[in-house]
């Protein structure tokens, strides 16, 4: 049998592989006046509803976020004076992990870049909280601060490696 490439369609192996749809995560960050404010709720989430794309809009104009619909504890766009104590919340979004793909999560983390010339950050005060229970889960994360970047990564043992049937 002699065949020219393209003459015979491979009928034995005609599998189609469709990769899973990549989830679209929605991390959030807020500057608030009270410790642990609304960490288990959603009061802060609608504070930016007037923005079509809150990331693009506020990157273009940091003051595009109107304050008339913000919670009183949300001090974004308000003046902060030297010595004021603020609470900066960075929310890691894991809500898009489904029951079908949780076993495939290899690493979970979040980072945020801040201007270290304008902020004295006490890294020992960084906390992680469970958004459902409000429990302090800081001990489950490796948290580091380097060159104006805060990174929190879930420690080994809390995720499973791909193909690890033992866990």
N, C-alpha and C. Protein backbone atom coordinates (compact mmCIF):
# COMPACT_ATOMS: atom_id res chain seq x y z
N UNK A 1 0.85 -1.17 0.00
CA UNK A 1 0.00 0.00 0.00
C UNK A 1 0.89 1.22 0.00
N UNK A 2 0.68 2.06 -0.94
CA UNK A 2 1.41 3.32 -1.02
C UNK A 2 0.38 4.43 -0.92
N UNK A 3 0.65 5.38 -0.05
CA UNK A 3 -0.30 6.49 0.12
C UNK A 3 0.48 7.79 0.15
N UNK A 4 -0.08 8.77 -0.46
CA UNK A 4 0.49 10.11 -0.42
C UNK A 4 -0.07 10.79 0.82
N UNK A 5 0.79 11.55 1.49
CA UNK A 5 0.34 12.26 2.69
C UNK A 5 -0.88 13.09 2.34
N UNK A 6 -1.91 12.93 3.13
CA UNK A 6 -3.15 13.67 2.91
C UNK A 6 -4.20 12.86 2.19
N UNK A 7 -3.80 11.75 1.57
CA UNK A 7 -4.76 10.93 0.85
C UNK A 7 -5.69 10.16 1.79
N UNK A 8 -5.16 9.64 2.87
CA UNK A 8 -5.94 8.79 3.74
C UNK A 8 -6.15 9.51 5.07
N UNK A 9 -7.39 9.67 5.42
CA UNK A 9 -7.69 10.28 6.72
C UNK A 9 -7.47 9.23 7.80
N UNK A 10 -6.87 9.61 8.87
CA UNK A 10 -6.63 8.70 9.98
C UNK A 10 -7.95 8.47 10.71
N UNK A 11 -8.56 7.32 10.45
CA UNK A 11 -9.87 7.04 11.01
C UNK A 11 -9.77 6.35 12.37
N UNK A 12 -8.58 5.87 12.70
CA UNK A 12 -8.42 5.17 13.96
C UNK A 12 -8.27 6.15 15.14
N UNK A 13 -7.56 7.23 14.92
CA UNK A 13 -7.32 8.19 15.99
C UNK A 13 -7.84 9.56 15.57
N UNK A 14 -9.10 9.80 15.82
CA UNK A 14 -9.68 11.09 15.46
C UNK A 14 -10.25 11.77 16.71
N UNK A 15 -9.51 11.66 17.79
CA UNK A 15 -9.97 12.25 19.05
C UNK A 15 -9.86 13.77 19.02
N UNK A 16 -10.78 14.39 19.67
CA UNK A 16 -10.73 15.84 19.84
C UNK A 16 -10.57 16.11 21.33
N UNK A 17 -9.59 16.92 21.65
CA UNK A 17 -9.35 17.27 23.05
C UNK A 17 -9.80 18.70 23.26
N UNK A 18 -10.69 18.88 24.19
CA UNK A 18 -11.16 20.22 24.53
C UNK A 18 -10.70 20.54 25.95
N UNK A 19 -9.77 21.48 26.09
CA UNK A 19 -9.32 21.81 27.45
C UNK A 19 -10.45 22.46 28.24
N UNK A 20 -10.39 22.34 29.55
CA UNK A 20 -11.44 22.97 30.35
C UNK A 20 -11.39 24.48 30.20
N UNK A 21 -12.53 25.10 30.36
CA UNK A 21 -12.60 26.55 30.30
C UNK A 21 -11.89 27.11 31.53
N UNK A 22 -10.98 28.03 31.28
CA UNK A 22 -10.24 28.62 32.40
C UNK A 22 -11.18 29.54 33.18
N UNK A 23 -11.26 29.33 34.49
CA UNK A 23 -12.15 30.19 35.28
C UNK A 23 -11.64 31.62 35.32
N UNK A 24 -12.55 32.57 35.36
CA UNK A 24 -12.18 33.98 35.46
C UNK A 24 -12.31 34.40 36.92
N UNK A 25 -11.16 34.62 37.53
CA UNK A 25 -11.14 34.98 38.94
C UNK A 25 -11.32 36.48 39.11
N UNK A 26 -11.90 36.87 40.22
CA UNK A 26 -12.20 38.27 40.48
C UNK A 26 -11.65 38.67 41.86
N UNK A 27 -10.32 38.87 41.94
CA UNK A 27 -9.79 39.33 43.23
C UNK A 27 -10.25 40.75 43.50
N UNK A 28 -10.32 41.11 44.75
CA UNK A 28 -10.78 42.45 45.14
C UNK A 28 -9.79 43.04 46.12
N UNK A 29 -9.79 44.36 46.23
CA UNK A 29 -9.01 45.00 47.28
C UNK A 29 -9.74 46.25 47.74
N UNK A 30 -9.67 46.47 49.04
CA UNK A 30 -10.37 47.59 49.65
C UNK A 30 -9.51 48.21 50.74
N UNK A 31 -9.64 49.51 50.91
CA UNK A 31 -9.01 50.22 52.01
C UNK A 31 -10.15 50.62 52.94
N UNK A 32 -10.12 50.09 54.16
CA UNK A 32 -11.22 50.32 55.09
C UNK A 32 -10.70 50.85 56.43
N UNK A 33 -11.62 51.38 57.20
CA UNK A 33 -11.26 52.01 58.47
C UNK A 33 -11.39 51.09 59.68
N UNK A 34 -11.94 49.90 59.48
CA UNK A 34 -12.14 48.98 60.61
C UNK A 34 -11.53 47.62 60.30
N UNK A 35 -10.86 47.07 61.28
CA UNK A 35 -10.26 45.75 61.13
C UNK A 35 -11.34 44.70 60.88
N UNK A 36 -11.08 43.80 59.94
CA UNK A 36 -11.98 42.69 59.60
C UNK A 36 -13.35 43.16 59.10
N UNK A 37 -13.45 44.39 58.60
CA UNK A 37 -14.75 44.90 58.16
C UNK A 37 -15.27 44.06 56.99
N UNK A 38 -16.43 43.49 57.15
CA UNK A 38 -17.19 42.78 56.10
C UNK A 38 -16.41 41.64 55.45
N UNK A 39 -15.54 40.97 56.18
CA UNK A 39 -14.75 39.90 55.55
C UNK A 39 -15.59 38.68 55.20
N UNK A 40 -16.77 38.55 55.76
CA UNK A 40 -17.64 37.42 55.39
C UNK A 40 -18.87 37.88 54.62
N UNK A 41 -18.92 39.14 54.27
CA UNK A 41 -20.11 39.66 53.60
C UNK A 41 -19.83 40.14 52.19
N UNK A 42 -20.75 40.96 51.67
CA UNK A 42 -20.60 41.49 50.32
C UNK A 42 -20.94 42.98 50.25
N UNK A 43 -20.89 43.66 51.39
CA UNK A 43 -21.22 45.09 51.39
C UNK A 43 -20.26 45.90 50.54
N UNK A 44 -18.98 45.53 50.53
CA UNK A 44 -17.98 46.30 49.80
C UNK A 44 -18.03 46.04 48.29
N UNK A 45 -18.52 44.87 47.91
CA UNK A 45 -18.47 44.45 46.50
C UNK A 45 -19.22 45.41 45.58
N UNK A 46 -20.34 45.96 46.01
CA UNK A 46 -21.11 46.84 45.13
C UNK A 46 -20.68 48.31 45.21
N UNK A 47 -19.62 48.61 45.94
CA UNK A 47 -19.17 50.00 46.06
C UNK A 47 -18.63 50.57 44.75
N UNK A 48 -18.32 49.73 43.79
CA UNK A 48 -17.80 50.19 42.51
C UNK A 48 -18.77 49.96 41.36
N UNK A 49 -20.05 49.81 41.66
CA UNK A 49 -21.01 49.44 40.62
C UNK A 49 -21.18 50.50 39.54
N UNK A 50 -20.78 51.75 39.82
CA UNK A 50 -20.90 52.80 38.81
C UNK A 50 -19.81 52.71 37.74
N UNK A 51 -18.82 51.87 37.95
CA UNK A 51 -17.71 51.74 37.00
C UNK A 51 -17.99 50.60 36.01
N UNK A 52 -17.78 50.88 34.74
CA UNK A 52 -17.98 49.84 33.72
C UNK A 52 -16.93 48.74 33.88
N UNK A 53 -15.68 49.13 34.05
CA UNK A 53 -14.57 48.21 34.27
C UNK A 53 -13.71 48.84 35.36
N UNK A 54 -13.89 48.40 36.59
CA UNK A 54 -13.27 49.12 37.71
C UNK A 54 -11.75 49.14 37.63
N UNK A 55 -11.14 48.14 37.01
CA UNK A 55 -9.69 48.13 36.90
C UNK A 55 -9.22 49.12 35.84
N UNK A 56 -9.81 49.06 34.66
CA UNK A 56 -9.42 49.99 33.60
C UNK A 56 -9.78 51.43 33.96
N UNK A 57 -10.99 51.61 34.50
CA UNK A 57 -11.44 52.96 34.84
C UNK A 57 -10.56 53.61 35.91
N UNK A 58 -10.22 52.86 36.95
CA UNK A 58 -9.41 53.45 38.02
C UNK A 58 -7.93 53.52 37.66
N UNK A 59 -7.48 52.70 36.71
CA UNK A 59 -6.10 52.85 36.23
C UNK A 59 -5.97 54.15 35.44
N UNK A 60 -7.01 54.49 34.69
CA UNK A 60 -7.01 55.74 33.93
C UNK A 60 -7.18 56.93 34.85
N UNK A 61 -8.10 56.81 35.80
CA UNK A 61 -8.39 57.90 36.74
C UNK A 61 -8.65 57.29 38.11
N UNK A 62 -7.69 57.37 39.03
CA UNK A 62 -7.87 56.76 40.35
C UNK A 62 -9.08 57.28 41.12
N UNK A 63 -9.60 58.44 40.72
CA UNK A 63 -10.74 59.03 41.42
C UNK A 63 -12.06 58.80 40.69
N UNK A 64 -12.06 57.89 39.71
CA UNK A 64 -13.30 57.57 38.99
C UNK A 64 -14.31 56.89 39.91
N UNK A 65 -13.83 56.25 40.94
CA UNK A 65 -14.71 55.59 41.91
C UNK A 65 -15.40 56.65 42.75
N UNK A 66 -16.71 56.76 42.58
CA UNK A 66 -17.47 57.74 43.36
C UNK A 66 -17.64 57.24 44.79
N UNK A 67 -17.71 58.16 45.72
CA UNK A 67 -17.82 57.77 47.13
C UNK A 67 -19.25 57.80 47.64
N UNK A 68 -20.18 58.34 46.85
CA UNK A 68 -21.56 58.47 47.35
C UNK A 68 -22.28 57.13 47.51
N UNK A 69 -21.75 56.07 46.91
CA UNK A 69 -22.37 54.75 47.06
C UNK A 69 -21.49 53.80 47.87
N UNK A 70 -20.44 54.32 48.48
CA UNK A 70 -19.53 53.48 49.26
C UNK A 70 -20.01 53.32 50.70
N UNK A 71 -19.66 52.19 51.27
CA UNK A 71 -19.87 52.00 52.70
C UNK A 71 -19.05 53.05 53.43
N UNK A 72 -19.52 53.49 54.58
CA UNK A 72 -18.80 54.51 55.36
C UNK A 72 -17.40 54.03 55.73
N UNK A 73 -17.23 52.73 55.92
CA UNK A 73 -15.93 52.17 56.30
C UNK A 73 -14.96 52.08 55.13
N UNK A 74 -15.45 52.20 53.90
CA UNK A 74 -14.61 52.17 52.71
C UNK A 74 -13.99 53.55 52.55
N UNK A 75 -12.69 53.66 52.78
CA UNK A 75 -12.03 54.97 52.71
C UNK A 75 -11.25 55.16 51.42
N UNK A 76 -11.53 54.34 50.41
CA UNK A 76 -10.90 54.51 49.11
C UNK A 76 -11.23 55.90 48.58
N UNK A 77 -10.27 56.57 48.04
CA UNK A 77 -10.30 57.94 47.48
C UNK A 77 -10.40 59.01 48.56
N UNK A 78 -10.44 58.66 49.83
CA UNK A 78 -10.46 59.66 50.89
C UNK A 78 -9.03 59.97 51.32
N UNK A 79 -8.84 61.11 51.94
CA UNK A 79 -7.52 61.51 52.40
C UNK A 79 -7.12 60.71 53.64
N UNK A 80 -5.91 60.20 53.60
CA UNK A 80 -5.34 59.50 54.75
C UNK A 80 -4.16 60.33 55.22
N UNK A 81 -4.13 60.62 56.49
CA UNK A 81 -3.07 61.44 57.06
C UNK A 81 -1.99 60.58 57.70
N UNK A 82 -0.78 61.13 57.75
CA UNK A 82 0.33 60.42 58.37
C UNK A 82 -0.09 60.00 59.79
N UNK A 83 0.16 58.75 60.10
CA UNK A 83 -0.19 58.23 61.42
C UNK A 83 -1.56 57.56 61.48
N UNK A 84 -2.42 57.79 60.47
CA UNK A 84 -3.72 57.12 60.45
C UNK A 84 -3.51 55.61 60.29
N UNK A 85 -4.35 54.84 60.92
CA UNK A 85 -4.29 53.39 60.79
C UNK A 85 -5.39 52.97 59.83
N UNK A 86 -4.99 52.27 58.78
CA UNK A 86 -5.95 51.79 57.80
C UNK A 86 -5.82 50.27 57.69
N UNK A 87 -6.83 49.67 57.14
CA UNK A 87 -6.83 48.23 56.93
C UNK A 87 -7.01 47.98 55.44
N UNK A 88 -6.01 47.36 54.86
CA UNK A 88 -6.00 47.11 53.43
C UNK A 88 -6.36 45.65 53.22
N UNK A 89 -7.51 45.42 52.60
CA UNK A 89 -7.98 44.06 52.38
C UNK A 89 -7.73 43.67 50.93
N UNK A 90 -7.09 42.53 50.75
CA UNK A 90 -6.90 41.95 49.42
C UNK A 90 -7.61 40.61 49.45
N UNK A 91 -8.60 40.46 48.59
CA UNK A 91 -9.43 39.25 48.59
C UNK A 91 -8.98 38.29 47.50
N UNK A 92 -8.63 37.08 47.90
CA UNK A 92 -8.27 36.01 46.98
C UNK A 92 -9.55 35.30 46.57
N UNK A 93 -9.83 35.28 45.29
CA UNK A 93 -11.06 34.67 44.79
C UNK A 93 -10.83 33.20 44.46
N UNK A 94 -11.47 32.32 45.20
CA UNK A 94 -11.42 30.88 44.90
C UNK A 94 -12.81 30.35 44.57
N UNK A 95 -13.76 31.24 44.37
CA UNK A 95 -15.15 30.82 44.14
C UNK A 95 -15.35 30.13 42.80
N UNK A 96 -14.43 30.29 41.88
CA UNK A 96 -14.59 29.68 40.55
C UNK A 96 -14.08 28.25 40.48
N UNK A 97 -13.48 27.77 41.57
CA UNK A 97 -13.08 26.37 41.59
C UNK A 97 -14.33 25.54 41.80
N UNK A 98 -14.57 24.60 40.89
CA UNK A 98 -15.75 23.76 41.00
C UNK A 98 -15.40 22.47 41.73
N UNK A 99 -16.42 21.74 42.08
CA UNK A 99 -16.20 20.45 42.74
C UNK A 99 -15.42 19.52 41.81
N UNK A 100 -15.53 19.74 40.49
CA UNK A 100 -14.86 18.88 39.52
C UNK A 100 -13.39 19.21 39.35
N UNK A 101 -12.98 20.45 39.66
CA UNK A 101 -11.58 20.78 39.39
C UNK A 101 -10.77 21.11 40.63
N UNK A 102 -11.35 21.00 41.81
CA UNK A 102 -10.59 21.31 43.03
C UNK A 102 -9.38 20.39 43.18
N UNK A 103 -9.51 19.15 42.73
CA UNK A 103 -8.40 18.22 42.88
C UNK A 103 -7.23 18.56 41.95
N UNK A 104 -7.43 19.45 41.01
CA UNK A 104 -6.37 19.82 40.08
C UNK A 104 -5.63 21.10 40.48
N UNK A 105 -5.97 21.68 41.59
CA UNK A 105 -5.34 22.93 42.02
C UNK A 105 -3.96 22.61 42.57
N UNK A 106 -2.94 23.21 41.97
CA UNK A 106 -1.58 22.96 42.42
C UNK A 106 -1.08 24.05 43.36
N UNK A 107 -1.56 25.26 43.16
CA UNK A 107 -1.09 26.37 43.99
C UNK A 107 -2.16 27.45 44.00
N UNK A 108 -2.31 28.10 45.14
CA UNK A 108 -3.26 29.20 45.26
C UNK A 108 -2.53 30.33 45.96
N UNK A 109 -2.62 31.51 45.39
CA UNK A 109 -1.96 32.64 46.03
C UNK A 109 -2.41 33.95 45.43
N UNK A 110 -1.96 35.02 46.06
CA UNK A 110 -2.29 36.35 45.59
C UNK A 110 -1.12 37.27 45.92
N UNK A 111 -0.92 38.26 45.09
CA UNK A 111 0.13 39.25 45.38
C UNK A 111 -0.43 40.63 45.11
N UNK A 112 0.17 41.60 45.76
CA UNK A 112 -0.23 42.98 45.55
C UNK A 112 0.99 43.86 45.66
N UNK A 113 1.13 44.75 44.70
CA UNK A 113 2.24 45.69 44.65
C UNK A 113 1.79 47.00 45.29
N UNK A 114 2.58 47.52 46.19
CA UNK A 114 2.25 48.79 46.84
C UNK A 114 3.47 49.70 46.81
N UNK A 115 3.27 50.97 47.03
CA UNK A 115 4.36 51.94 47.02
C UNK A 115 5.03 51.96 48.39
N UNK A 116 6.14 51.24 48.49
CA UNK A 116 6.82 51.12 49.78
C UNK A 116 7.44 52.43 50.26
N UNK A 117 7.55 53.42 49.37
CA UNK A 117 8.07 54.73 49.80
C UNK A 117 7.02 55.52 50.56
N UNK A 118 5.76 55.12 50.45
CA UNK A 118 4.67 55.86 51.09
C UNK A 118 3.99 55.08 52.22
N UNK A 119 4.45 53.87 52.47
CA UNK A 119 3.78 53.03 53.46
C UNK A 119 4.81 52.28 54.30
N UNK A 120 4.67 52.39 55.59
CA UNK A 120 5.46 51.56 56.51
C UNK A 120 4.60 50.35 56.84
N UNK A 121 4.97 49.23 56.28
CA UNK A 121 4.17 48.01 56.43
C UNK A 121 4.78 47.10 57.48
N UNK A 122 3.99 46.72 58.43
CA UNK A 122 4.41 45.75 59.44
C UNK A 122 3.92 44.39 58.97
N UNK A 123 4.81 43.61 58.37
CA UNK A 123 4.41 42.34 57.76
C UNK A 123 3.90 41.34 58.79
N UNK A 124 4.22 41.53 60.06
CA UNK A 124 3.71 40.62 61.09
C UNK A 124 2.22 40.83 61.34
N UNK A 125 1.68 41.93 60.84
CA UNK A 125 0.25 42.24 61.03
C UNK A 125 -0.62 41.71 59.89
N UNK A 126 0.01 41.14 58.86
CA UNK A 126 -0.76 40.63 57.72
C UNK A 126 -1.48 39.36 58.16
N UNK A 127 -2.77 39.32 57.89
CA UNK A 127 -3.61 38.19 58.30
C UNK A 127 -4.38 37.66 57.10
N UNK A 128 -4.72 36.38 57.16
CA UNK A 128 -5.59 35.76 56.17
C UNK A 128 -6.82 35.23 56.90
N UNK A 129 -7.99 35.50 56.32
CA UNK A 129 -9.24 35.08 56.94
C UNK A 129 -10.07 34.27 55.96
N UNK A 130 -10.80 33.30 56.47
CA UNK A 130 -11.74 32.53 55.68
C UNK A 130 -12.97 33.41 55.44
N UNK A 131 -13.35 33.58 54.18
CA UNK A 131 -14.45 34.49 53.86
C UNK A 131 -15.82 33.93 54.23
N UNK A 132 -15.91 32.65 54.52
CA UNK A 132 -17.18 32.06 54.91
C UNK A 132 -17.35 32.09 56.42
N UNK A 133 -16.31 31.66 57.13
CA UNK A 133 -16.41 31.56 58.59
C UNK A 133 -15.86 32.77 59.33
N UNK A 134 -14.97 33.52 58.67
CA UNK A 134 -14.29 34.63 59.33
C UNK A 134 -13.11 34.19 60.17
N UNK A 135 -12.82 32.89 60.18
CA UNK A 135 -11.71 32.36 60.98
C UNK A 135 -10.37 32.86 60.46
N UNK A 136 -9.43 33.07 61.36
CA UNK A 136 -8.06 33.43 61.00
C UNK A 136 -7.38 32.18 60.46
N UNK A 137 -6.95 32.21 59.20
CA UNK A 137 -6.28 31.08 58.56
C UNK A 137 -4.87 31.46 58.11
N UNK A 138 -4.30 32.45 58.77
CA UNK A 138 -2.96 32.94 58.42
C UNK A 138 -1.94 31.80 58.43
N UNK A 139 -2.07 30.86 59.36
CA UNK A 139 -1.10 29.77 59.47
C UNK A 139 -1.12 28.84 58.26
N UNK A 140 -2.08 28.95 57.38
CA UNK A 140 -2.15 28.12 56.18
C UNK A 140 -1.42 28.75 54.99
N UNK A 141 -0.90 29.96 55.17
CA UNK A 141 -0.27 30.69 54.08
C UNK A 141 1.18 31.04 54.39
N UNK A 142 2.01 31.02 53.35
CA UNK A 142 3.34 31.60 53.41
C UNK A 142 3.17 33.04 52.95
N UNK A 143 3.47 33.98 53.82
CA UNK A 143 3.30 35.40 53.50
C UNK A 143 4.66 36.06 53.52
N UNK A 144 4.97 36.77 52.43
CA UNK A 144 6.24 37.47 52.40
C UNK A 144 6.04 38.85 51.79
N UNK A 145 6.92 39.75 52.17
CA UNK A 145 6.92 41.11 51.66
C UNK A 145 8.33 41.42 51.19
N UNK A 146 8.47 41.72 49.90
CA UNK A 146 9.77 42.04 49.32
C UNK A 146 9.61 43.12 48.27
N UNK A 147 10.41 44.16 48.38
CA UNK A 147 10.46 45.22 47.37
C UNK A 147 9.09 45.78 47.02
N UNK A 148 8.26 45.99 48.01
CA UNK A 148 6.96 46.58 47.77
C UNK A 148 5.91 45.64 47.22
N UNK A 149 6.16 44.35 47.33
CA UNK A 149 5.18 43.36 46.87
C UNK A 149 4.87 42.40 48.02
N UNK A 150 3.59 42.30 48.35
CA UNK A 150 3.13 41.35 49.35
C UNK A 150 2.60 40.13 48.60
N UNK A 151 3.05 38.96 49.01
CA UNK A 151 2.60 37.72 48.38
C UNK A 151 2.15 36.75 49.46
N UNK A 152 0.99 36.17 49.26
CA UNK A 152 0.47 35.14 50.16
C UNK A 152 0.18 33.91 49.31
N UNK A 153 0.83 32.80 49.65
CA UNK A 153 0.67 31.56 48.90
C UNK A 153 0.27 30.46 49.87
N UNK A 154 -0.73 29.69 49.49
CA UNK A 154 -1.18 28.58 50.32
C UNK A 154 -0.03 27.60 50.51
N UNK A 155 0.20 27.20 51.75
CA UNK A 155 1.30 26.29 52.06
C UNK A 155 1.07 24.91 51.47
N UNK A 156 2.18 24.20 51.27
CA UNK A 156 2.12 22.82 50.78
C UNK A 156 1.29 22.00 51.76
N UNK A 157 0.55 21.05 51.23
CA UNK A 157 -0.27 20.20 52.08
C UNK A 157 -1.74 20.59 52.06
N UNK A 158 -2.03 21.80 51.60
CA UNK A 158 -3.42 22.24 51.53
C UNK A 158 -3.99 22.13 50.12
N UNK A 159 -3.12 21.80 49.15
CA UNK A 159 -3.57 21.55 47.78
C UNK A 159 -3.06 20.18 47.38
N UNK A 160 -3.59 19.67 46.29
CA UNK A 160 -3.18 18.36 45.79
C UNK A 160 -2.42 18.56 44.50
N UNK A 161 -1.45 17.71 44.26
CA UNK A 161 -0.74 17.78 42.99
C UNK A 161 -1.53 17.01 41.95
N UNK A 162 -1.35 17.39 40.70
CA UNK A 162 -2.05 16.69 39.62
C UNK A 162 -1.64 15.23 39.61
N UNK A 163 -2.60 14.36 39.52
CA UNK A 163 -2.33 12.94 39.46
C UNK A 163 -2.06 12.29 40.80
N UNK A 164 -2.18 13.04 41.88
CA UNK A 164 -1.92 12.50 43.21
C UNK A 164 -3.18 11.83 43.74
N UNK A 165 -3.29 10.54 43.54
CA UNK A 165 -4.50 9.82 43.96
C UNK A 165 -4.50 9.52 45.44
N UNK A 166 -3.36 9.68 46.09
CA UNK A 166 -3.28 9.38 47.53
C UNK A 166 -3.95 10.45 48.37
N UNK A 167 -4.04 11.68 47.87
CA UNK A 167 -4.63 12.78 48.65
C UNK A 167 -6.04 13.03 48.21
